[in-house]
């Protein structure tokens, strides 16, 4: 019985590792972070987002914030209604948990209207990722995808040996 419980614990750990292996962390604004100098519409169009991916917003706490909002609030930049979530730590991670369109704004006065807003269309499943930036950055998916494929193969072989 103890042997089966141990195997179950290992299986659960492997599944949690695999969940992380198929998701990607995107640093919003790449090296510039969440600031007023970035064209976030262009930034978000460089990537294909899938369920489980994470958006990381890095900014100076108190100078900016991140509000997840409805499309209507996004279009008007009026956060008096339609706010789904608020992030204000300066290092916010938002997991994209559903296949839908997400909308984000900075609610500091004038920032949203000045361009600190974007939407991402999140797809289900693991679609192929594209990076239209001609120069690879630290956020490029190629190295991560290679690593995650290797991890998945290793985990699969481990599970085969464990249960067969």
Protein backbone atom coordinates (compact mmCIF):
# COMPACT_ATOMS: atom_id res chain seq x y z
CA UNK A 1 0.00 0.00 0.00
CA UNK A 2 2.80 2.44 0.92
CA UNK A 3 4.45 1.69 -2.42
CA UNK A 4 1.29 2.71 -4.31
CA UNK A 5 0.95 5.93 -2.28
CA UNK A 6 4.58 6.79 -3.03
CA UNK A 7 4.03 6.18 -6.73
CA UNK A 8 0.89 8.33 -6.64
CA UNK A 9 2.79 11.19 -5.02
CA UNK A 10 5.51 10.94 -7.67
CA UNK A 11 2.87 10.89 -10.42
CA UNK A 12 1.23 14.03 -9.02
CA UNK A 13 4.62 15.77 -8.86
CA UNK A 14 5.38 14.81 -12.46
CA UNK A 15 2.01 16.10 -13.63
CA UNK A 16 2.59 19.44 -11.93
CA UNK A 17 6.03 19.68 -13.58
CA UNK A 18 4.51 18.88 -16.96
CA UNK A 19 1.86 21.58 -16.54
CA UNK A 20 4.64 24.12 -16.09
CA UNK A 21 6.57 22.65 -18.99
CA UNK A 22 3.83 23.34 -21.51
CA UNK A 23 3.11 26.87 -20.37
CA UNK A 24 5.21 29.93 -21.09
CA UNK A 25 5.98 33.04 -19.05
CA UNK A 26 5.83 36.27 -21.05
CA UNK A 27 7.49 39.39 -19.68
CA UNK A 28 5.05 42.13 -20.71
CA UNK A 29 6.95 44.73 -22.74
CA UNK A 30 9.99 42.42 -22.90
CA UNK A 31 13.07 44.22 -21.49
CA UNK A 32 11.18 47.52 -21.10
CA UNK A 33 8.60 46.03 -18.76
CA UNK A 34 5.24 47.67 -18.04
CA UNK A 35 5.97 51.32 -18.79
CA UNK A 36 4.69 54.18 -20.91
CA UNK A 37 7.40 53.79 -23.60
CA UNK A 38 6.13 50.53 -25.14
CA UNK A 39 3.66 49.84 -27.95
CA UNK A 40 1.79 47.01 -26.23
CA UNK A 41 -0.44 46.34 -29.22
CA UNK A 42 2.63 45.43 -31.28
CA UNK A 43 4.17 43.58 -28.34
CA UNK A 44 1.14 41.33 -27.82
CA UNK A 45 0.84 40.55 -31.54
CA UNK A 46 4.31 38.93 -31.53
CA UNK A 47 3.09 35.94 -29.53
CA UNK A 48 0.46 33.21 -29.59
CA UNK A 49 -0.93 32.87 -26.08
CA UNK A 50 -2.41 29.60 -24.82
CA UNK A 51 -4.23 28.55 -21.66
CA UNK A 52 -1.74 28.15 -18.83
CA UNK A 53 0.65 30.84 -20.04
CA UNK A 54 1.62 33.56 -17.59
CA UNK A 55 1.97 37.30 -18.16
CA UNK A 56 4.57 38.91 -15.92
CA UNK A 57 4.16 42.65 -15.37
CA UNK A 58 7.30 44.34 -14.00
CA UNK A 59 7.11 48.02 -13.03
CA UNK A 60 7.85 50.49 -10.25
CA UNK A 61 5.25 50.00 -7.54
CA UNK A 62 3.26 53.20 -7.06
CA UNK A 63 4.05 54.54 -10.54
CA UNK A 64 1.91 52.02 -12.42
CA UNK A 65 -0.60 49.26 -11.79
CA UNK A 66 -2.32 46.54 -13.81
CA UNK A 67 -6.07 46.17 -14.06
CA UNK A 68 -7.67 43.25 -15.88
CA UNK A 69 -10.84 44.75 -17.34
CA UNK A 70 -13.76 44.14 -19.67
CA UNK A 71 -13.47 45.11 -23.32
CA UNK A 72 -15.73 48.11 -22.77
CA UNK A 73 -13.53 49.42 -19.95
CA UNK A 74 -10.45 48.78 -22.09
CA UNK A 75 -11.87 50.84 -24.95
CA UNK A 76 -12.89 53.81 -22.77
CA UNK A 77 -10.04 53.66 -20.23
CA UNK A 78 -12.68 54.35 -17.57
CA UNK A 79 -12.11 51.92 -14.68
CA UNK A 80 -15.10 53.11 -12.65
CA UNK A 81 -16.70 49.80 -13.68
CA UNK A 82 -15.69 46.65 -15.52
CA UNK A 83 -12.61 45.86 -13.41
CA UNK A 84 -12.09 42.10 -13.10
CA UNK A 85 -8.81 42.11 -11.12
CA UNK A 86 -6.29 44.61 -9.75
CA UNK A 87 -2.54 44.11 -9.43
CA UNK A 88 -0.29 46.65 -7.76
CA UNK A 89 2.82 44.84 -6.45
CA UNK A 90 5.28 45.89 -9.17
CA UNK A 91 5.96 42.25 -10.03
CA UNK A 92 2.59 40.78 -10.94
CA UNK A 93 2.08 37.40 -12.55
CA UNK A 94 -1.26 36.75 -14.24
CA UNK A 95 -2.01 33.20 -15.31
CA UNK A 96 -4.18 32.96 -18.42
CA UNK A 97 -6.58 30.28 -17.21
CA UNK A 98 -9.26 30.38 -19.90
CA UNK A 99 -9.53 30.43 -23.66
CA UNK A 100 -10.84 33.98 -24.15
CA UNK A 101 -9.82 37.57 -24.84
CA UNK A 102 -8.11 39.27 -21.88
CA UNK A 103 -7.86 43.05 -21.56
CA UNK A 104 -5.29 44.92 -19.42
CA UNK A 105 -4.81 48.61 -18.63
CA UNK A 106 -2.75 50.81 -16.34
CA UNK A 107 -5.23 52.82 -14.27
CA UNK A 108 -2.83 55.60 -13.26
CA UNK A 109 -4.21 58.90 -14.57
CA UNK A 110 -3.51 59.31 -18.29
CA UNK A 111 -1.53 56.08 -18.70
CA UNK A 112 -4.26 54.01 -20.36
CA UNK A 113 -5.13 56.77 -22.83
CA UNK A 114 -1.37 57.20 -23.38
CA UNK A 115 -1.06 53.60 -24.58
CA UNK A 116 -0.56 51.45 -21.50
CA UNK A 117 -3.20 48.93 -22.47
CA UNK A 118 -3.46 45.80 -24.57
CA UNK A 119 -5.53 42.72 -25.18
CA UNK A 120 -4.47 39.12 -25.70
CA UNK A 121 -6.48 36.40 -27.39
CA UNK A 122 -5.81 33.18 -25.50
CA UNK A 123 -6.33 29.90 -27.34
CA UNK A 124 -6.91 26.46 -25.87
CA UNK A 125 -4.23 23.81 -26.19
CA UNK A 126 -0.62 24.05 -27.23
CA UNK A 127 -0.55 25.82 -30.58
CA UNK A 128 2.75 26.54 -32.28
CA UNK A 129 4.42 29.66 -30.99
CA UNK A 130 5.76 32.42 -33.16
CA UNK A 131 8.22 35.14 -32.38
CA UNK A 132 8.22 37.80 -35.08
CA UNK A 133 11.05 39.73 -33.41
CA UNK A 134 14.06 39.22 -35.72
CA UNK A 135 16.52 39.32 -32.82
CA UNK A 136 16.09 36.59 -30.24
CA UNK A 137 15.46 37.90 -26.74
CA UNK A 138 15.53 36.29 -23.33
CA UNK A 139 11.79 35.78 -23.79
CA UNK A 140 12.06 33.88 -27.04
CA UNK A 141 10.12 30.62 -26.94
CA UNK A 142 12.69 28.51 -28.87
CA UNK A 143 15.00 27.59 -25.96
CA UNK A 144 12.04 27.09 -23.64
CA UNK A 145 10.21 24.85 -26.12
CA UNK A 146 13.32 22.68 -26.58
CA UNK A 147 13.74 22.41 -22.82
CA UNK A 148 10.09 21.59 -22.22
CA UNK A 149 10.10 18.89 -24.92
CA UNK A 150 13.12 17.28 -23.27
CA UNK A 151 11.45 17.45 -19.88
CA UNK A 152 8.26 15.89 -21.21
CA UNK A 153 10.21 13.02 -22.82
CA UNK A 154 12.15 12.44 -19.61
CA UNK A 155 8.98 12.48 -17.49
CA UNK A 156 7.21 10.09 -19.87
CA UNK A 157 10.13 7.63 -19.73
CA UNK A 158 10.21 7.93 -15.95
CA UNK A 159 6.49 7.20 -15.67
CA UNK A 160 6.82 4.20 -18.01
CA UNK A 161 9.55 2.72 -15.83
CA UNK A 162 7.63 3.49 -12.66
CA UNK A 163 4.32 1.93 -13.68
CA UNK A 164 5.36 -0.79 -16.15
